């Protein structure tokens, strides 16, 4: 399964723009848990950026946003959560089988 974060906006001329970021399979469960927490708590989420230089120095960006998540389809969200947890269980089983050999 593939999971992407899609950000959308509209220009002054009413043209829609979007950008998509892939979410690694190892991060799926954590991302879904974060989304579920934000939905259930009904608290705002802050979006910010961090620049990391070649030397490893980290710098917080001056751009920040705050928003709330809303669910379009709670049934589909729970199905997605179950699917991700099942994939995680399968991955752990495969890892255990390989490590026992």
Protein backbone atom coordinates (compact mmCIF):
# COMPACT_ATOMS: atom_id res chain seq x y z
CA UNK A 1 0.00 0.00 0.00
CA UNK A 2 1.16 3.53 -0.76
CA UNK A 3 0.34 6.52 1.40
CA UNK A 4 0.83 10.16 0.38
CA UNK A 5 0.32 13.51 2.03
CA UNK A 6 -1.34 15.89 -0.46
CA UNK A 7 -1.33 19.64 0.10
CA UNK A 8 -3.71 21.74 -2.02
CA UNK A 9 -4.26 25.44 -2.49
CA UNK A 10 -5.88 27.82 -4.98
CA UNK A 11 -4.17 30.72 -6.78
CA UNK A 12 -5.58 34.23 -7.15
CA UNK A 13 -6.79 33.21 -10.60
CA UNK A 14 -8.71 30.30 -9.01
CA UNK A 15 -6.34 27.63 -10.35
CA UNK A 16 -5.82 24.63 -8.07
CA UNK A 17 -2.26 23.64 -7.15
CA UNK A 18 -1.18 20.58 -5.23
CA UNK A 19 1.99 18.88 -4.08
CA UNK A 20 2.31 15.25 -2.97
CA UNK A 21 4.74 13.76 -0.45
CA UNK A 22 5.25 10.02 -0.15
CA UNK A 23 5.05 8.56 3.35
CA UNK A 24 7.41 5.62 3.85
CA UNK A 25 5.75 2.30 4.79
CA UNK A 26 7.68 2.30 8.07
CA UNK A 27 5.96 5.60 8.97
CA UNK A 28 2.38 4.61 7.97
CA UNK A 29 1.27 3.43 11.40
CA UNK A 30 2.70 6.45 13.22
CA UNK A 31 1.15 8.86 10.71
CA UNK A 32 -2.29 7.25 10.96
CA UNK A 33 -2.07 7.24 14.78
CA UNK A 34 -1.21 10.96 14.71
CA UNK A 35 -4.15 11.73 12.40
CA UNK A 36 -6.54 9.69 14.57
CA UNK A 37 -5.32 11.48 17.70
CA UNK A 38 -5.82 14.88 16.06
CA UNK A 39 -9.32 13.89 14.90
CA UNK A 40 -10.40 12.44 18.25
CA UNK A 41 -8.99 15.26 20.40
CA UNK A 42 -10.44 17.98 18.11
CA UNK A 43 -7.43 20.20 18.81
CA UNK A 44 -5.53 22.26 16.23
CA UNK A 45 -2.45 20.90 14.47
CA UNK A 46 0.54 23.14 13.82
CA UNK A 47 2.45 22.87 10.55
CA UNK A 48 6.02 24.16 10.48
CA UNK A 49 9.24 23.47 8.64
CA UNK A 50 12.76 22.73 9.77
CA UNK A 51 15.81 23.41 7.62
CA UNK A 52 18.79 21.12 8.15
CA UNK A 53 22.09 22.36 6.75
CA UNK A 54 24.91 20.25 5.38
CA UNK A 55 26.71 20.58 8.72
CA UNK A 56 23.66 19.15 10.51
CA UNK A 57 22.59 22.48 12.01
CA UNK A 58 18.81 22.71 12.38
CA UNK A 59 16.90 25.94 11.90
CA UNK A 60 13.16 26.50 12.41
CA UNK A 61 11.48 28.09 9.40
CA UNK A 62 9.62 31.38 9.76
CA UNK A 63 6.53 29.85 8.09
CA UNK A 64 3.92 28.33 10.42
CA UNK A 65 0.30 27.27 9.95
CA UNK A 66 -2.46 25.98 12.22
CA UNK A 67 -5.45 23.90 11.13
CA UNK A 68 -7.88 21.22 12.30
CA UNK A 69 -8.45 17.83 10.72
CA UNK A 70 -11.97 16.84 9.76
CA UNK A 71 -12.98 13.36 8.67
CA UNK A 72 -14.82 12.84 5.38
CA UNK A 73 -15.51 9.16 5.88
CA UNK A 74 -14.94 7.68 9.33
CA UNK A 75 -15.65 4.14 8.10
CA UNK A 76 -12.94 4.42 5.43
CA UNK A 77 -10.54 5.85 8.02
CA UNK A 78 -11.04 2.90 10.34
CA UNK A 79 -10.63 0.47 7.41
CA UNK A 80 -7.37 2.19 6.43
CA UNK A 81 -6.16 1.97 10.02
CA UNK A 82 -7.01 -1.76 10.15
CA UNK A 83 -5.26 -2.37 6.81
CA UNK A 84 -2.09 -0.60 8.00
CA UNK A 85 -2.07 -2.53 11.28
CA UNK A 86 -2.50 -5.81 9.35
CA UNK A 87 0.41 -4.90 7.04
CA UNK A 88 2.52 -4.11 10.12
CA UNK A 89 1.68 -7.49 11.68
CA UNK A 90 2.62 -9.30 8.44
CA UNK A 91 5.90 -7.41 8.26
CA UNK A 92 6.74 -8.32 11.87
CA UNK A 93 5.91 -12.00 11.21
CA UNK A 94 8.16 -12.04 8.16
CA UNK A 95 10.95 -10.43 10.18
CA UNK A 96 10.57 -12.99 12.97
CA UNK A 97 10.68 -15.87 10.50
CA UNK A 98 13.85 -14.50 8.89
CA UNK A 99 15.57 -13.83 12.23
CA UNK A 100 14.82 -17.35 13.53
CA UNK A 101 16.63 -19.03 10.61
